[in-house]
Amino acid sequence: MMFKFIKSKTTAISSIGASLALVTGQACAASGSVLKPDDFVGISFWLISMALIASTVFFFLERDRVSAKWKTSLTVSGLVTLVAAVHYFYMREVWVTTGSTPTVFRYIDWLITVPLLMIEFYLILSAIAKVPAGVFWRLMVGTLVMLVGGYVGEAGYLNTWIAFIIGMVGWAYILYEIFAGEASKINAQSAPPSVQSAFNTMRLIVTFGWAIYPVGYFFGYLTGSSPENSANALNIIYNLADVLNKIAFGLIIWQVAVSETENSKK
């Protein structure tokens, strides 16, 4: 009975991943666009799309391995990679077809996935302690300021330097909360060693992994390079950043969830 349940679960989730890949692949074929072997930006979009789908299937399957209090965290990790995968297929198509940066699609993706990543801090702390709602809302405010600042600059609605500074202020606010604010204090006072380790690694990703985005913004808009070189640098940097900040971030959540579940059984 248990074997049949696991088999049906695996088949169902694998089918979701395969269906997503099939549908998006058919959409690309229908448009008539072809990914050229020397288009390294387009190839990076494609590779990361596949990695995101694989990660989604993995996170959803692993939900059955962890205790109930960790299932939501793994579900959110799977949703982050799923939403990102869908957007990456569309962004790849925009790039291959037009050769232009898919700014709107990228920010729609980030507007959904980045707040979910911030929720992960709240969720892993909520699994081991009572966390005030203020922690959640402060992380959301910092996230929205960062994203809005970045978008209005990239879309040309505001001077790029002013928008860059606004986005950096939002990022700095997030860093304060997770390093010196209430979230950091709850982690230090209430979390077991495995959760503290995961929390510390997650905030290092937010510090150094997210630093890749302003680097991409700088090389894409503030160096004075040719539009073609700027677009290539911007997209490759952003794409590589998403591998670290979405897939690796989720794997950290998975590791602590499995570790804490196994410890509770002993």
C-alpha atoms as a PDB file:
ATOM      1  CA  MET A   1       0.000   0.000   0.000  1.00  0.00           C
ATOM      2  CA  MET A   2       2.766   2.423   0.959  1.00  0.00           C
ATOM      3  CA  PHE A   3       4.729   1.524  -2.170  1.00  0.00           C
ATOM      4  CA  LYS A   4       1.692   2.220  -4.362  1.00  0.00           C
ATOM      5  CA  PHE A   5       1.155   5.586  -2.661  1.00  0.00           C
ATOM      6  CA  ILE A   6       4.761   6.647  -3.180  1.00  0.00           C
ATOM      7  CA  LYS A   7       4.707   5.420  -6.759  1.00  0.00           C
ATOM      8  CA  SER A   8       1.518   7.325  -7.555  1.00  0.00           C
ATOM      9  CA  LYS A   9       2.894  10.461  -5.872  1.00  0.00           C
ATOM     10  CA  THR A  10       6.112  10.245  -7.852  1.00  0.00           C
ATOM     11  CA  THR A  11       4.267   9.655 -11.105  1.00  0.00           C
ATOM     12  CA  ALA A  12       1.903  12.578 -10.515  1.00  0.00           C
ATOM     13  CA  ILE A  13       4.606  15.110  -9.712  1.00  0.00           C
ATOM     14  CA  SER A  14       6.895  13.882 -12.463  1.00  0.00           C
ATOM     15  CA  SER A  15       3.991  14.281 -14.870  1.00  0.00           C
ATOM     16  CA  ILE A  16       3.603  17.890 -13.786  1.00  0.00           C
ATOM     17  CA  GLY A  17       7.236  18.608 -14.583  1.00  0.00           C
ATOM     18  CA  ALA A  18       7.066  16.773 -17.910  1.00  0.00           C
ATOM     19  CA  SER A  19       3.829  18.516 -18.889  1.00  0.00           C
ATOM     20  CA  LEU A  20       5.304  21.913 -18.070  1.00  0.00           C
ATOM     21  CA  ALA A  21       8.365  21.211 -20.186  1.00  0.00           C
ATOM     22  CA  LEU A  22       6.219  19.882 -23.046  1.00  0.00           C
ATOM     23  CA  VAL A  23       3.806  22.813 -23.095  1.00  0.00           C
ATOM     24  CA  THR A  24       6.524  25.434 -22.963  1.00  0.00           C
ATOM     25  CA  GLY A  25       8.567  23.575 -25.549  1.00  0.00           C
ATOM     26  CA  GLN A  26       5.579  23.450 -27.927  1.00  0.00           C
ATOM     27  CA  ALA A  27       5.004  27.161 -27.396  1.00  0.00           C
ATOM     28  CA  CYS A  28       8.596  27.889 -28.355  1.00  0.00           C
ATOM     29  CA  ALA A  29       8.361  25.684 -31.443  1.00  0.00           C
ATOM     30  CA  ALA A  30       5.091  27.279 -32.508  1.00  0.00           C
ATOM     31  CA  SER A  31       6.666  30.719 -32.510  1.00  0.00           C
ATOM     32  CA  GLY A  32       9.254  29.600 -35.054  1.00  0.00           C
ATOM     33  CA  SER A  33      12.199  30.863 -33.001  1.00  0.00           C
ATOM     34  CA  VAL A  34      15.319  28.717 -32.844  1.00  0.00           C
ATOM     35  CA  LEU A  35      17.967  28.841 -30.146  1.00  0.00           C
ATOM     36  CA  LYS A  36      21.332  29.291 -31.888  1.00  0.00           C
ATOM     37  CA  PRO A  37      24.328  27.322 -30.548  1.00  0.00           C
ATOM     38  CA  ASP A  38      26.395  30.494 -30.173  1.00  0.00           C
ATOM     39  CA  ASP A  39      23.679  32.372 -28.273  1.00  0.00           C
ATOM     40  CA  PHE A  40      25.137  31.982 -24.797  1.00  0.00           C
ATOM     41  CA  VAL A  41      22.497  34.179 -23.179  1.00  0.00           C
ATOM     42  CA  GLY A  42      19.692  32.095 -24.697  1.00  0.00           C
ATOM     43  CA  ILE A  43      21.458  28.894 -23.669  1.00  0.00           C
ATOM     44  CA  SER A  44      21.722  30.169 -20.093  1.00  0.00           C
ATOM     45  CA  PHE A  45      17.960  30.818 -20.096  1.00  0.00           C
ATOM     46  CA  TRP A  46      17.328  27.275 -21.320  1.00  0.00           C
ATOM     47  CA  LEU A  47      19.671  25.503 -18.897  1.00  0.00           C
ATOM     48  CA  ILE A  48      18.288  27.341 -15.916  1.00  0.00           C
ATOM     49  CA  SER A  49      14.713  26.582 -17.006  1.00  0.00           C
ATOM     50  CA  MET A  50      15.515  22.861 -16.915  1.00  0.00           C
ATOM     51  CA  ALA A  51      17.272  23.146 -13.550  1.00  0.00           C
ATOM     52  CA  LEU A  52      14.265  24.972 -12.083  1.00  0.00           C
ATOM     53  CA  ILE A  53      11.827  22.288 -13.269  1.00  0.00           C
ATOM     54  CA  ALA A  54      14.010  19.523 -11.831  1.00  0.00           C
ATOM     55  CA  SER A  55      14.232  21.397  -8.523  1.00  0.00           C
ATOM     56  CA  THR A  56      10.461  21.835  -8.405  1.00  0.00           C
ATOM     57  CA  VAL A  57       9.855  18.098  -8.778  1.00  0.00           C
ATOM     58  CA  PHE A  58      12.506  17.364  -6.148  1.00  0.00           C
ATOM     59  CA  PHE A  59      11.096  19.768  -3.536  1.00  0.00           C
ATOM     60  CA  PHE A  60       7.526  18.531  -3.952  1.00  0.00           C
ATOM     61  CA  LEU A  61       8.574  14.890  -3.718  1.00  0.00           C
ATOM     62  CA  GLU A  62      10.649  15.543  -0.593  1.00  0.00           C
ATOM     63  CA  ARG A  63       7.612  16.950   1.263  1.00  0.00           C
ATOM     64  CA  ASP A  64       6.679  13.372   2.180  1.00  0.00           C
ATOM     65  CA  ARG A  65      10.061  12.884   3.833  1.00  0.00           C
ATOM     66  CA  VAL A  66       9.812  15.668   6.408  1.00  0.00           C
ATOM     67  CA  SER A  67       7.597  16.299   9.423  1.00  0.00           C
ATOM     68  CA  ALA A  68       4.419  18.351   9.122  1.00  0.00           C
ATOM     69  CA  LYS A  69       5.915  21.609  10.439  1.00  0.00           C
ATOM     70  CA  TRP A  70       8.459  21.650   7.593  1.00  0.00           C
ATOM     71  CA  LYS A  71       6.147  20.763   4.715  1.00  0.00           C
ATOM     72  CA  THR A  72       5.079  24.368   4.097  1.00  0.00           C
ATOM     73  CA  SER A  73       8.715  25.453   3.782  1.00  0.00           C
ATOM     74  CA  LEU A  74       9.394  22.829   1.111  1.00  0.00           C
ATOM     75  CA  THR A  75       6.141  23.692  -0.654  1.00  0.00           C
ATOM     76  CA  VAL A  76       7.196  27.342  -0.843  1.00  0.00           C
ATOM     77  CA  SER A  77      10.623  26.302  -2.159  1.00  0.00           C
ATOM     78  CA  GLY A  78       8.889  24.288  -4.889  1.00  0.00           C
ATOM     79  CA  LEU A  79       6.586  27.177  -5.750  1.00  0.00           C
ATOM     80  CA  VAL A  80       9.561  29.531  -6.094  1.00  0.00           C
ATOM     81  CA  THR A  81      11.288  27.272  -8.606  1.00  0.00           C
ATOM     82  CA  LEU A  82       8.026  26.472 -10.433  1.00  0.00           C
ATOM     83  CA  VAL A  83       7.070  30.118 -10.926  1.00  0.00           C
ATOM     84  CA  ALA A  84      10.618  30.939 -11.978  1.00  0.00           C
ATOM     85  CA  ALA A  85      10.708  28.050 -14.480  1.00  0.00           C
ATOM     86  CA  VAL A  86       7.561  29.246 -16.253  1.00  0.00           C
ATOM     87  CA  HIS A  87       8.902  32.784 -16.481  1.00  0.00           C
ATOM     88  CA  TYR A  88      12.269  31.590 -17.714  1.00  0.00           C
ATOM     89  CA  PHE A  89      10.676  29.864 -20.679  1.00  0.00           C
ATOM     90  CA  TYR A  90       8.927  33.094 -21.604  1.00  0.00           C
ATOM     91  CA  MET A  91      12.055  35.180 -21.011  1.00  0.00           C
ATOM     92  CA  ARG A  92      14.085  32.846 -23.195  1.00  0.00           C
ATOM     93  CA  GLU A  93      11.501  33.246 -25.958  1.00  0.00           C
ATOM     94  CA  VAL A  94      11.595  37.038 -25.719  1.00  0.00           C
ATOM     95  CA  TRP A  95      15.375  37.000 -25.910  1.00  0.00           C
ATOM     96  CA  VAL A  96      15.643  34.531 -28.815  1.00  0.00           C
ATOM     97  CA  THR A  97      12.889  36.214 -30.821  1.00  0.00           C
ATOM     98  CA  THR A  98      13.713  39.889 -30.253  1.00  0.00           C
ATOM     99  CA  GLY A  99      17.244  39.989 -28.825  1.00  0.00           C
ATOM    100  CA  SER A 100      15.998  42.345 -26.123  1.00  0.00           C
ATOM    101  CA  THR A 101      16.087  42.018 -22.348  1.00  0.00           C
ATOM    102  CA  PRO A 102      12.779  40.622 -20.961  1.00  0.00           C
ATOM    103  CA  THR A 103      12.631  43.177 -18.148  1.00  0.00           C
ATOM    104  CA  VAL A 104       8.883  42.989 -17.488  1.00  0.00           C
ATOM    105  CA  PHE A 105       8.798  39.181 -17.306  1.00  0.00           C
ATOM    106  CA  ARG A 106      11.838  39.122 -15.028  1.00  0.00           C
ATOM    107  CA  TYR A 107      10.294  41.559 -12.572  1.00  0.00           C
ATOM    108  CA  ILE A 108       6.950  39.760 -12.626  1.00  0.00           C
ATOM    109  CA  ASP A 109       8.912  36.647 -11.658  1.00  0.00           C
ATOM    110  CA  TRP A 110      10.793  38.468  -8.901  1.00  0.00           C
ATOM    111  CA  LEU A 111       7.631  40.153  -7.613  1.00  0.00           C
ATOM    112  CA  ILE A 112       6.272  36.670  -6.845  1.00  0.00           C
ATOM    113  CA  THR A 113       9.377  34.665  -5.971  1.00  0.00           C
ATOM    114  CA  VAL A 114      11.461  37.133  -3.935  1.00  0.00           C
ATOM    115  CA  PRO A 115       8.719  37.717  -1.322  1.00  0.00           C
ATOM    116  CA  LEU A 116       8.331  33.919  -1.127  1.00  0.00           C
ATOM    117  CA  LEU A 117      12.055  33.633  -0.428  1.00  0.00           C
ATOM    118  CA  MET A 118      11.694  36.166   2.364  1.00  0.00           C
ATOM    119  CA  ILE A 119       8.757  34.211   3.758  1.00  0.00           C
ATOM    120  CA  GLU A 120      11.133  31.260   4.116  1.00  0.00           C
ATOM    121  CA  PHE A 121      12.996  33.100   6.893  1.00  0.00           C
ATOM    122  CA  TYR A 122       9.703  33.542   8.710  1.00  0.00           C
ATOM    123  CA  LEU A 123       8.667  29.925   8.129  1.00  0.00           C
ATOM    124  CA  ILE A 124      11.809  28.239   9.409  1.00  0.00           C
ATOM    125  CA  LEU A 125      11.705  30.385  12.550  1.00  0.00           C
ATOM    126  CA  SER A 126       7.985  29.706  12.987  1.00  0.00           C
ATOM    127  CA  ALA A 127       8.742  25.978  12.941  1.00  0.00           C
ATOM    128  CA  ILE A 128      10.764  26.291  16.154  1.00  0.00           C
ATOM    129  CA  ALA A 129       9.438  29.409  17.924  1.00  0.00           C
ATOM    130  CA  LYS A 130       6.587  31.926  18.061  1.00  0.00           C
ATOM    131  CA  VAL A 131       7.480  34.708  15.639  1.00  0.00           C
ATOM    132  CA  PRO A 132       5.736  38.123  15.692  1.00  0.00           C
ATOM    133  CA  ALA A 133       3.924  39.109  12.514  1.00  0.00           C
ATOM    134  CA  GLY A 134       6.042  42.267  12.405  1.00  0.00           C
ATOM    135  CA  VAL A 135       9.005  40.198  11.233  1.00  0.00           C
ATOM    136  CA  PHE A 136       7.007  39.036   8.220  1.00  0.00           C
ATOM    137  CA  TRP A 137       5.824  42.518   7.279  1.00  0.00           C
ATOM    138  CA  ARG A 138       9.224  44.171   7.679  1.00  0.00           C
ATOM    139  CA  LEU A 139      10.762  41.629   5.333  1.00  0.00           C
ATOM    140  CA  MET A 140       7.946  42.250   2.833  1.00  0.00           C
ATOM    141  CA  VAL A 141       8.373  46.043   2.948  1.00  0.00           C
ATOM    142  CA  GLY A 142      12.114  45.788   2.349  1.00  0.00           C
ATOM    143  CA  THR A 143      11.526  43.376  -0.532  1.00  0.00           C
ATOM    144  CA  LEU A 144       8.975  45.602  -2.269  1.00  0.00           C
ATOM    145  CA  VAL A 145      11.145  48.724  -1.943  1.00  0.00           C
ATOM    146  CA  MET A 146      14.075  46.830  -3.447  1.00  0.00           C
ATOM    147  CA  LEU A 147      12.039  45.448  -6.360  1.00  0.00           C
ATOM    148  CA  VAL A 148      10.156  48.654  -7.171  1.00  0.00           C
ATOM    149  CA  GLY A 149      13.374  50.659  -7.109  1.00  0.00           C
ATOM    150  CA  GLY A 150      15.038  48.220  -9.485  1.00  0.00           C
ATOM    151  CA  TYR A 151      12.110  48.076 -11.894  1.00  0.00           C
ATOM    152  CA  VAL A 152      11.497  51.803 -12.285  1.00  0.00           C
ATOM    153  CA  GLY A 153      15.179  52.212 -13.088  1.00  0.00           C
ATOM    154  CA  GLU A 154      15.412  49.357 -15.608  1.00  0.00           C
ATOM    155  CA  ALA A 155      12.108  50.293 -17.256  1.00  0.00           C
ATOM    156  CA  GLY A 156      13.226  53.905 -17.674  1.00  0.00           C
ATOM    157  CA  TYR A 157      10.623  55.493 -15.398  1.00  0.00           C
ATOM    158  CA  LEU A 158      13.250  56.991 -13.100  1.00  0.00           C
ATOM    159  CA  ASN A 159      16.886  58.024 -13.321  1.00  0.00           C
ATOM    160  CA  THR A 160      18.926  54.806 -13.152  1.00  0.00           C
ATOM    161  CA  TRP A 161      21.190  56.012 -10.358  1.00  0.00           C
ATOM    162  CA  ILE A 162      18.301  57.225  -8.186  1.00  0.00           C
ATOM    163  CA  ALA A 163      16.419  53.979  -8.746  1.00  0.00           C
ATOM    164  CA  PHE A 164      19.592  52.007  -7.980  1.00  0.00           C
ATOM    165  CA  ILE A 165      19.936  53.784  -4.640  1.00  0.00           C
ATOM    166  CA  ILE A 166      16.271  53.139  -3.759  1.00  0.00           C
ATOM    167  CA  GLY A 167      16.692  49.446  -4.502  1.00  0.00           C
ATOM    168  CA  MET A 168      19.850  49.306  -2.388  1.00  0.00           C
ATOM    169  CA  VAL A 169      18.027  50.915   0.542  1.00  0.00           C
ATOM    170  CA  GLY A 170      15.402  48.152   0.414  1.00  0.00           C
ATOM    171  CA  TRP A 171      18.101  45.501   0.313  1.00  0.00           C
ATOM    172  CA  ALA A 172      19.945  47.123   3.240  1.00  0.00           C
ATOM    173  CA  TYR A 173      16.700  47.096   5.243  1.00  0.00           C
ATOM    174  CA  ILE A 174      16.333  43.340   4.641  1.00  0.00           C
ATOM    175  CA  LEU A 175      19.951  42.747   5.671  1.00  0.00           C
ATOM    176  CA  TYR A 176      19.415  44.690   8.887  1.00  0.00           C
ATOM    177  CA  GLU A 177      16.383  42.585   9.801  1.00  0.00           C
ATOM    178  CA  ILE A 178      18.077  39.232   9.236  1.00  0.00           C
ATOM    179  CA  PHE A 179      21.448  40.202  10.757  1.00  0.00           C
ATOM    180  CA  ALA A 180      20.551  42.564  13.609  1.00  0.00           C
ATOM    181  CA  GLY A 181      16.755  42.807  13.758  1.00  0.00           C
ATOM    182  CA  GLU A 182      14.125  40.708  15.499  1.00  0.00           C
ATOM    183  CA  ALA A 183      14.450  37.778  13.086  1.00  0.00           C
ATOM    184  CA  SER A 184      18.152  37.495  13.886  1.00  0.00           C
ATOM    185  CA  LYS A 185      17.519  37.658  17.641  1.00  0.00           C
ATOM    186  CA  ILE A 186      14.861  34.918  17.510  1.00  0.00           C
ATOM    187  CA  ASN A 187      17.256  32.728  15.542  1.00  0.00           C
ATOM    188  CA  ALA A 188      20.068  33.264  18.052  1.00  0.00           C
ATOM    189  CA  GLN A 189      17.887  32.733  21.137  1.00  0.00           C
ATOM    190  CA  SER A 190      15.445  29.981  20.150  1.00  0.00           C
ATOM    191  CA  ALA A 191      16.703  28.001  17.169  1.00  0.00           C
ATOM    192  CA  PRO A 192      18.527  24.657  17.472  1.00  0.00           C
ATOM    193  CA  PRO A 193      22.009  24.414  15.908  1.00  0.00           C
ATOM    194  CA  SER A 194      20.785  23.011  12.577  1.00  0.00           C
ATOM    195  CA  VAL A 195      18.252  25.820  12.116  1.00  0.00           C
ATOM    196  CA  GLN A 196      20.800  28.441  13.128  1.00  0.00           C
ATOM    197  CA  SER A 197      23.221  27.019  10.586  1.00  0.00           C
ATOM    198  CA  ALA A 198      20.580  27.111   7.836  1.00  0.00           C
ATOM    199  CA  PHE A 199      19.492  30.630   8.825  1.00  0.00           C
ATOM    200  CA  ASN A 200      23.093  31.836   8.728  1.00  0.00           C
ATOM    201  CA  THR A 201      23.685  30.284   5.294  1.00  0.00           C
ATOM    202  CA  MET A 202      20.431  31.751   3.962  1.00  0.00           C
ATOM    203  CA  ARG A 203      21.368  35.238   5.054  1.00  0.00           C
ATOM    204  CA  LEU A 204      24.807  34.837   3.491  1.00  0.00           C
ATOM    205  CA  ILE A 205      23.034  34.046   0.210  1.00  0.00           C
ATOM    206  CA  VAL A 206      20.888  37.158   0.636  1.00  0.00           C
ATOM    207  CA  THR A 207      24.076  39.135   1.268  1.00  0.00           C
ATOM    208  CA  PHE A 208      26.443  37.792  -1.374  1.00  0.00           C
ATOM    209  CA  GLY A 209      24.036  36.032  -3.753  1.00  0.00           C
ATOM    210  CA  TRP A 210      21.716  39.022  -3.970  1.00  0.00           C
ATOM    211  CA  ALA A 211      24.742  41.266  -4.441  1.00  0.00           C
ATOM    212  CA  ILE A 212      24.927  39.777  -7.934  1.00  0.00           C
ATOM    213  CA  TYR A 213      21.745  41.656  -8.908  1.00  0.00           C
ATOM    214  CA  PRO A 214      23.105  45.178  -8.306  1.00  0.00           C
ATOM    215  CA  VAL A 215      26.277  44.051 -10.084  1.00  0.00           C
ATOM    216  CA  GLY A 216      24.120  43.033 -13.064  1.00  0.00           C
ATOM    217  CA  TYR A 217      22.196  46.309 -12.877  1.00  0.00           C
ATOM    218  CA  PHE A 218      25.480  48.241 -12.813  1.00  0.00           C
ATOM    219  CA  PHE A 219      26.969  46.442 -15.822  1.00  0.00           C
ATOM    220  CA  GLY A 220      23.679  46.608 -17.692  1.00  0.00           C
ATOM    221  CA  TYR A 221      22.862  50.277 -17.211  1.00  0.00           C
ATOM    222  CA  LEU A 222      25.610  52.277 -15.545  1.00  0.00           C
ATOM    223  CA  THR A 223      28.873  51.476 -17.348  1.00  0.00           C
ATOM    224  CA  GLY A 224      28.186  53.211 -20.652  1.00  0.00           C
ATOM    225  CA  SER A 225      28.907  50.038 -22.644  1.00  0.00           C
ATOM    226  CA  SER A 226      27.214  49.325 -25.979  1.00  0.00           C
ATOM    227  CA  PRO A 227      23.557  48.191 -25.712  1.00  0.00           C
ATOM    228  CA  GLU A 228      24.426  44.710 -27.015  1.00  0.00           C
ATOM    229  CA  ASN A 229      27.256  44.105 -24.554  1.00  0.00           C
ATOM    230  CA  SER A 230      25.229  45.567 -21.707  1.00  0.00           C
ATOM    231  CA  ALA A 231      22.229  43.309 -22.454  1.00  0.00           C
ATOM    232  CA  ASN A 232      24.425  40.212 -22.653  1.00  0.00           C
ATOM    233  CA  ALA A 233      26.157  40.959 -19.346  1.00  0.00           C
ATOM    234  CA  LEU A 234      22.908  41.875 -17.609  1.00  0.00           C
ATOM    235  CA  ASN A 235      21.056  38.701 -18.573  1.00  0.00           C
ATOM    236  CA  ILE A 236      23.882  36.241 -17.944  1.00  0.00           C
ATOM    237  CA  ILE A 237      24.576  37.749 -14.510  1.00  0.00           C
ATOM    238  CA  TYR A 238      20.888  37.753 -13.567  1.00  0.00           C
ATOM    239  CA  ASN A 239      20.438  34.173 -14.781  1.00  0.00           C
ATOM    240  CA  LEU A 240      23.400  32.840 -12.807  1.00  0.00           C
ATOM    241  CA  ALA A 241      22.194  34.719  -9.736  1.00  0.00           C
ATOM    242  CA  ASP A 242      18.809  33.009  -9.895  1.00  0.00           C
ATOM    243  CA  VAL A 243      20.442  29.564  -9.773  1.00  0.00           C
ATOM    244  CA  LEU A 244      22.063  30.432  -6.457  1.00  0.00           C
ATOM    245  CA  ASN A 245      19.263  32.485  -4.986  1.00  0.00           C
ATOM    246  CA  LYS A 246      16.369  30.159  -5.836  1.00  0.00           C
ATOM    247  CA  ILE A 247      17.651  26.617  -6.206  1.00  0.00           C
ATOM    248  CA  ALA A 248      20.474  26.722  -3.636  1.00  0.00           C
ATOM    249  CA  PHE A 249      18.259  28.668  -1.229  1.00  0.00           C
ATOM    250  CA  GLY A 250      15.627  25.934  -1.457  1.00  0.00           C
ATOM    251  CA  LEU A 251      18.218  23.200  -0.949  1.00  0.00           C
ATOM    252  CA  ILE A 252      19.256  24.818   2.331  1.00  0.00           C
ATOM    253  CA  ILE A 253      15.633  24.695   3.491  1.00  0.00           C
ATOM    254  CA  TRP A 254      15.418  21.054   2.420  1.00  0.00           C
ATOM    255  CA  GLN A 255      18.595  20.139   4.288  1.00  0.00           C
ATOM    256  CA  VAL A 256      17.477  21.631   7.608  1.00  0.00           C
ATOM    257  CA  ALA A 257      13.964  20.170   7.220  1.00  0.00           C
ATOM    258  CA  VAL A 258      15.347  16.659   6.696  1.00  0.00           C
ATOM    259  CA  SER A 259      17.875  17.078   9.493  1.00  0.00           C
ATOM    260  CA  GLU A 260      15.324  18.307  12.040  1.00  0.00           C
ATOM    261  CA  THR A 261      12.842  15.584  11.043  1.00  0.00           C
ATOM    262  CA  GLU A 262      15.424  12.856  11.532  1.00  0.00           C
ATOM    263  CA  ASN A 263      16.537  14.310  14.869  1.00  0.00           C
ATOM    264  CA  SER A 264      12.952  14.372  16.139  1.00  0.00           C
ATOM    265  CA  LYS A 265      12.597  10.661  15.379  1.00  0.00           C
ATOM    266  CA  LYS A 266      15.633   9.680  17.449  1.00  0.00           C
END
